[in-house]
Amino acid sequence: MACEYKLRHRVEFVDTDMAGIVHFSNFFRWMEHAEHAFFRSLGFSLHNQGAEEMSGWARVRAGCDYKMPLRYQDLVEVQLRVVAKGATTLSYELVFFRIDSTELCAPEDARGKLQEVARGEMKTCFVTRPRGEAIQAKKIPRRIDEAIQVAQQTP
């Protein structure tokens, strides 16, 4: 059973604002990238479109607190942890770290000093939408429920 996932990203110029700092909205994109990658690592998709029904994960809440800026070409690691699981919902904590690396071409497995730059949270609800009907919250499918567990709390 899985409860954590790590994703690395090199900050691109397009991620920055006029001051050369990562625009706040990108942290939300990276939270979603980490969630998608987490699900893919387990063999699942966050969105399924069938002929008669769509299913996926609707956002209930998302937030992010920023501690220090990221800049162009910084290497950032997003650490996703499942912190709660309900019958229909999953809640994540996402911590963003700058990897202190003096080399721009550092290998992706480079392990420099980690500096926490932001901390986010996201709650999602499993939903379905039968053709022609409204979206409805549903119990998390058993195969997903069995594959994901809540992470142990850190001291």
C-alpha atoms as a PDB file:
ATOM      1  CA  MET A   1       0.000   0.000   0.000  1.00  0.00           C
ATOM      2  CA  ALA A   2       1.237   3.473  -0.875  1.00  0.00           C
ATOM      3  CA  CYS A   3       1.063   6.637   1.192  1.00  0.00           C
ATOM      4  CA  GLU A   4       3.812   8.907  -0.231  1.00  0.00           C
ATOM      5  CA  TYR A   5       5.195  10.053  -3.544  1.00  0.00           C
ATOM      6  CA  LYS A   6       8.061  12.360  -4.592  1.00  0.00           C
ATOM      7  CA  LEU A   7       8.246  14.317  -7.825  1.00  0.00           C
ATOM      8  CA  ARG A   8      11.059  16.572  -9.055  1.00  0.00           C
ATOM      9  CA  HIS A   9      10.757  19.519 -11.376  1.00  0.00           C
ATOM     10  CA  ARG A  10      13.264  21.982 -12.801  1.00  0.00           C
ATOM     11  CA  VAL A  11      11.772  25.495 -12.697  1.00  0.00           C
ATOM     12  CA  GLU A  12      11.324  26.733 -16.252  1.00  0.00           C
ATOM     13  CA  PHE A  13      11.281  30.369 -17.356  1.00  0.00           C
ATOM     14  CA  VAL A  14       7.564  30.055 -18.132  1.00  0.00           C
ATOM     15  CA  ASP A  15       6.955  29.226 -14.428  1.00  0.00           C
ATOM     16  CA  THR A  16       8.199  32.652 -13.328  1.00  0.00           C
ATOM     17  CA  ASP A  17       6.662  36.100 -13.088  1.00  0.00           C
ATOM     18  CA  MET A  18       8.160  39.480 -14.075  1.00  0.00           C
ATOM     19  CA  ALA A  19      10.335  39.455 -10.941  1.00  0.00           C
ATOM     20  CA  GLY A  20      11.855  36.094 -11.909  1.00  0.00           C
ATOM     21  CA  ILE A  21      10.090  34.305  -9.051  1.00  0.00           C
ATOM     22  CA  VAL A  22       7.836  31.273  -9.510  1.00  0.00           C
ATOM     23  CA  HIS A  23       4.237  32.494  -9.786  1.00  0.00           C
ATOM     24  CA  PHE A  24       2.115  31.256  -6.870  1.00  0.00           C
ATOM     25  CA  SER A  25      -0.332  29.443  -9.154  1.00  0.00           C
ATOM     26  CA  ASN A  26       2.380  27.023 -10.289  1.00  0.00           C
ATOM     27  CA  PHE A  27       2.496  25.453  -6.843  1.00  0.00           C
ATOM     28  CA  PHE A  28      -1.117  24.349  -7.390  1.00  0.00           C
ATOM     29  CA  ARG A  29      -0.210  22.916 -10.803  1.00  0.00           C
ATOM     30  CA  TRP A  30       2.691  21.019  -9.230  1.00  0.00           C
ATOM     31  CA  MET A  31       0.398  19.685  -6.488  1.00  0.00           C
ATOM     32  CA  GLU A  32      -1.835  18.284  -9.194  1.00  0.00           C
ATOM     33  CA  HIS A  33       1.152  16.925 -11.162  1.00  0.00           C
ATOM     34  CA  ALA A  34       2.309  15.077  -8.034  1.00  0.00           C
ATOM     35  CA  GLU A  35      -1.183  13.683  -7.436  1.00  0.00           C
ATOM     36  CA  HIS A  36      -1.458  12.456 -11.049  1.00  0.00           C
ATOM     37  CA  ALA A  37       2.013  10.878 -10.873  1.00  0.00           C
ATOM     38  CA  PHE A  38       1.130   9.218  -7.544  1.00  0.00           C
ATOM     39  CA  PHE A  39      -1.990   7.649  -9.071  1.00  0.00           C
ATOM     40  CA  ARG A  40      -0.096   6.594 -12.234  1.00  0.00           C
ATOM     41  CA  SER A  41       2.569   4.935 -10.065  1.00  0.00           C
ATOM     42  CA  LEU A  42      -0.220   2.739  -8.668  1.00  0.00           C
ATOM     43  CA  GLY A  43      -1.671   1.951 -12.102  1.00  0.00           C
ATOM     44  CA  PHE A  44      -4.670   4.292 -11.813  1.00  0.00           C
ATOM     45  CA  SER A  45      -5.889   7.440 -13.547  1.00  0.00           C
ATOM     46  CA  LEU A  46      -7.495  10.442 -11.871  1.00  0.00           C
ATOM     47  CA  HIS A  47     -10.055  10.745 -14.649  1.00  0.00           C
ATOM     48  CA  ASN A  48     -11.924   8.011 -16.490  1.00  0.00           C
ATOM     49  CA  GLN A  49     -14.372   8.695 -19.299  1.00  0.00           C
ATOM     50  CA  GLY A  50     -16.631   5.802 -20.240  1.00  0.00           C
ATOM     51  CA  ALA A  51     -19.457   5.768 -22.760  1.00  0.00           C
ATOM     52  CA  GLU A  52     -22.085   5.976 -20.019  1.00  0.00           C
ATOM     53  CA  GLU A  53     -20.247   7.483 -17.059  1.00  0.00           C
ATOM     54  CA  MET A  54     -17.327   9.723 -16.127  1.00  0.00           C
ATOM     55  CA  SER A  55     -15.464   9.260 -12.858  1.00  0.00           C
ATOM     56  CA  GLY A  56     -12.718  11.268 -11.242  1.00  0.00           C
ATOM     57  CA  TRP A  57     -11.589  13.326  -8.285  1.00  0.00           C
ATOM     58  CA  ALA A  58     -13.187  16.713  -7.574  1.00  0.00           C
ATOM     59  CA  ARG A  59     -11.307  19.280  -5.503  1.00  0.00           C
ATOM     60  CA  VAL A  60     -12.893  20.015  -2.148  1.00  0.00           C
ATOM     61  CA  ARG A  61     -10.114  22.229  -0.780  1.00  0.00           C
ATOM     62  CA  ALA A  62      -6.637  23.376  -1.748  1.00  0.00           C
ATOM     63  CA  GLY A  63      -4.244  25.789  -0.099  1.00  0.00           C
ATOM     64  CA  CYS A  64      -0.588  26.665   0.051  1.00  0.00           C
ATOM     65  CA  ASP A  65       1.628  28.611   2.462  1.00  0.00           C
ATOM     66  CA  TYR A  66       4.828  30.080   1.023  1.00  0.00           C
ATOM     67  CA  LYS A  67       8.074  30.409   2.984  1.00  0.00           C
ATOM     68  CA  MET A  68      10.608  31.521   0.379  1.00  0.00           C
ATOM     69  CA  PRO A  69      10.690  32.011  -3.384  1.00  0.00           C
ATOM     70  CA  LEU A  70      11.758  29.611  -6.089  1.00  0.00           C
ATOM     71  CA  ARG A  71      13.495  30.996  -9.152  1.00  0.00           C
ATOM     72  CA  TYR A  72      14.274  30.033 -12.717  1.00  0.00           C
ATOM     73  CA  GLN A  73      16.327  26.802 -12.966  1.00  0.00           C
ATOM     74  CA  ASP A  74      15.888  25.855  -9.301  1.00  0.00           C
ATOM     75  CA  LEU A  75      15.374  22.141  -8.769  1.00  0.00           C
ATOM     76  CA  VAL A  76      12.236  21.549  -6.691  1.00  0.00           C
ATOM     77  CA  GLU A  77      11.043  18.341  -5.071  1.00  0.00           C
ATOM     78  CA  VAL A  78       7.352  17.945  -4.262  1.00  0.00           C
ATOM     79  CA  GLN A  79       6.659  15.426  -1.510  1.00  0.00           C
ATOM     80  CA  LEU A  80       3.058  14.205  -1.391  1.00  0.00           C
ATOM     81  CA  ARG A  81       1.763  12.407   1.704  1.00  0.00           C
ATOM     82  CA  VAL A  82      -1.723  10.980   2.204  1.00  0.00           C
ATOM     83  CA  VAL A  83      -2.794  12.406   5.571  1.00  0.00           C
ATOM     84  CA  ALA A  84      -6.451  11.304   5.709  1.00  0.00           C
ATOM     85  CA  LYS A  85      -8.796   8.948   3.924  1.00  0.00           C
ATOM     86  CA  GLY A  86     -12.566   8.897   4.233  1.00  0.00           C
ATOM     87  CA  ALA A  87     -15.203   6.812   2.496  1.00  0.00           C
ATOM     88  CA  THR A  88     -15.253   9.259  -0.448  1.00  0.00           C
ATOM     89  CA  THR A  89     -12.236  11.524   0.128  1.00  0.00           C
ATOM     90  CA  LEU A  90      -8.446  11.642   0.154  1.00  0.00           C
ATOM     91  CA  SER A  91      -6.465  14.434   1.808  1.00  0.00           C
ATOM     92  CA  TYR A  92      -2.843  15.217   0.993  1.00  0.00           C
ATOM     93  CA  GLU A  93      -0.058  17.267   2.483  1.00  0.00           C
ATOM     94  CA  LEU A  94       2.387  18.515  -0.147  1.00  0.00           C
ATOM     95  CA  VAL A  95       5.756  19.921   0.865  1.00  0.00           C
ATOM     96  CA  PHE A  96       7.928  21.767  -1.646  1.00  0.00           C
ATOM     97  CA  PHE A  97      11.698  21.718  -1.258  1.00  0.00           C
ATOM     98  CA  ARG A  98      14.420  23.517  -3.173  1.00  0.00           C
ATOM     99  CA  ILE A  99      17.304  21.132  -3.734  1.00  0.00           C
ATOM    100  CA  ASP A 100      20.521  22.996  -3.135  1.00  0.00           C
ATOM    101  CA  SER A 101      22.491  22.074  -6.220  1.00  0.00           C
ATOM    102  CA  THR A 102      25.198  24.268  -7.677  1.00  0.00           C
ATOM    103  CA  GLU A 103      25.136  22.407 -10.983  1.00  0.00           C
ATOM    104  CA  LEU A 104      22.407  23.348 -13.448  1.00  0.00           C
ATOM    105  CA  CYS A 105      22.765  19.967 -15.118  1.00  0.00           C
ATOM    106  CA  ALA A 106      22.708  18.014 -11.864  1.00  0.00           C
ATOM    107  CA  PRO A 107      21.294  14.529 -12.319  1.00  0.00           C
ATOM    108  CA  GLU A 108      17.698  14.096 -11.209  1.00  0.00           C
ATOM    109  CA  ASP A 109      18.850  11.818  -8.407  1.00  0.00           C
ATOM    110  CA  ALA A 110      21.205  14.480  -7.046  1.00  0.00           C
ATOM    111  CA  ARG A 111      20.777  14.711  -3.312  1.00  0.00           C
ATOM    112  CA  GLY A 112      21.712  18.146  -2.087  1.00  0.00           C
ATOM    113  CA  LYS A 113      20.500  20.001   0.952  1.00  0.00           C
ATOM    114  CA  LEU A 114      16.702  20.370   0.979  1.00  0.00           C
ATOM    115  CA  GLN A 115      15.184  23.763   1.868  1.00  0.00           C
ATOM    116  CA  GLU A 116      11.442  23.857   2.503  1.00  0.00           C
ATOM    117  CA  VAL A 117       9.944  26.630   0.383  1.00  0.00           C
ATOM    118  CA  ALA A 118       6.194  25.960   0.645  1.00  0.00           C
ATOM    119  CA  ARG A 119       3.628  23.654   2.196  1.00  0.00           C
ATOM    120  CA  GLY A 120       0.293  22.843   0.606  1.00  0.00           C
ATOM    121  CA  GLU A 121      -2.776  20.805   1.339  1.00  0.00           C
ATOM    122  CA  MET A 122      -5.446  19.357  -0.893  1.00  0.00           C
ATOM    123  CA  LYS A 123      -8.636  17.385  -0.279  1.00  0.00           C
ATOM    124  CA  THR A 124     -10.341  15.515  -3.121  1.00  0.00           C
ATOM    125  CA  CYS A 125     -13.585  13.589  -3.399  1.00  0.00           C
ATOM    126  CA  PHE A 126     -14.240  10.628  -5.691  1.00  0.00           C
ATOM    127  CA  VAL A 127     -17.150  11.502  -7.985  1.00  0.00           C
ATOM    128  CA  THR A 128     -19.076  10.011 -10.869  1.00  0.00           C
ATOM    129  CA  ARG A 129     -21.309  11.593 -13.451  1.00  0.00           C
ATOM    130  CA  PRO A 130     -23.624   9.210 -15.233  1.00  0.00           C
ATOM    131  CA  ARG A 131     -24.491  10.438 -18.715  1.00  0.00           C
ATOM    132  CA  GLY A 132     -27.071  13.215 -18.520  1.00  0.00           C
ATOM    133  CA  GLU A 133     -26.996  13.410 -14.712  1.00  0.00           C
ATOM    134  CA  ALA A 134     -25.324  15.586 -12.100  1.00  0.00           C
ATOM    135  CA  ILE A 135     -21.964  14.832 -10.490  1.00  0.00           C
ATOM    136  CA  GLN A 136     -22.310  12.628  -7.403  1.00  0.00           C
ATOM    137  CA  ALA A 137     -19.884  11.788  -4.603  1.00  0.00           C
ATOM    138  CA  LYS A 138     -19.283   8.040  -4.445  1.00  0.00           C
ATOM    139  CA  LYS A 139     -17.398   5.629  -2.234  1.00  0.00           C
ATOM    140  CA  ILE A 140     -13.748   5.246  -3.280  1.00  0.00           C
ATOM    141  CA  PRO A 141     -13.482   2.137  -5.490  1.00  0.00           C
ATOM    142  CA  ARG A 142     -12.149  -0.853  -3.569  1.00  0.00           C
ATOM    143  CA  ARG A 143      -9.051  -1.368  -5.734  1.00  0.00           C
ATOM    144  CA  ILE A 144      -7.991   2.260  -5.081  1.00  0.00           C
ATOM    145  CA  ASP A 145      -8.974   2.143  -1.405  1.00  0.00           C
ATOM    146  CA  GLU A 146      -6.865  -0.986  -0.927  1.00  0.00           C
ATOM    147  CA  ALA A 147      -3.847   0.516  -2.735  1.00  0.00           C
ATOM    148  CA  ILE A 148      -3.662   3.787  -0.757  1.00  0.00           C
ATOM    149  CA  GLN A 149      -3.118   4.149   2.964  1.00  0.00           C
ATOM    150  CA  VAL A 150      -2.698   7.078   5.311  1.00  0.00           C
ATOM    151  CA  ALA A 151       0.934   7.936   6.065  1.00  0.00           C
ATOM    152  CA  GLN A 152       2.266   7.712   9.591  1.00  0.00           C
ATOM    153  CA  GLN A 153       2.398  11.103  11.283  1.00  0.00           C
ATOM    154  CA  THR A 154       5.829  12.685  11.445  1.00  0.00           C
ATOM    155  CA  PRO A 155       7.020  14.023  14.815  1.00  0.00           C
END
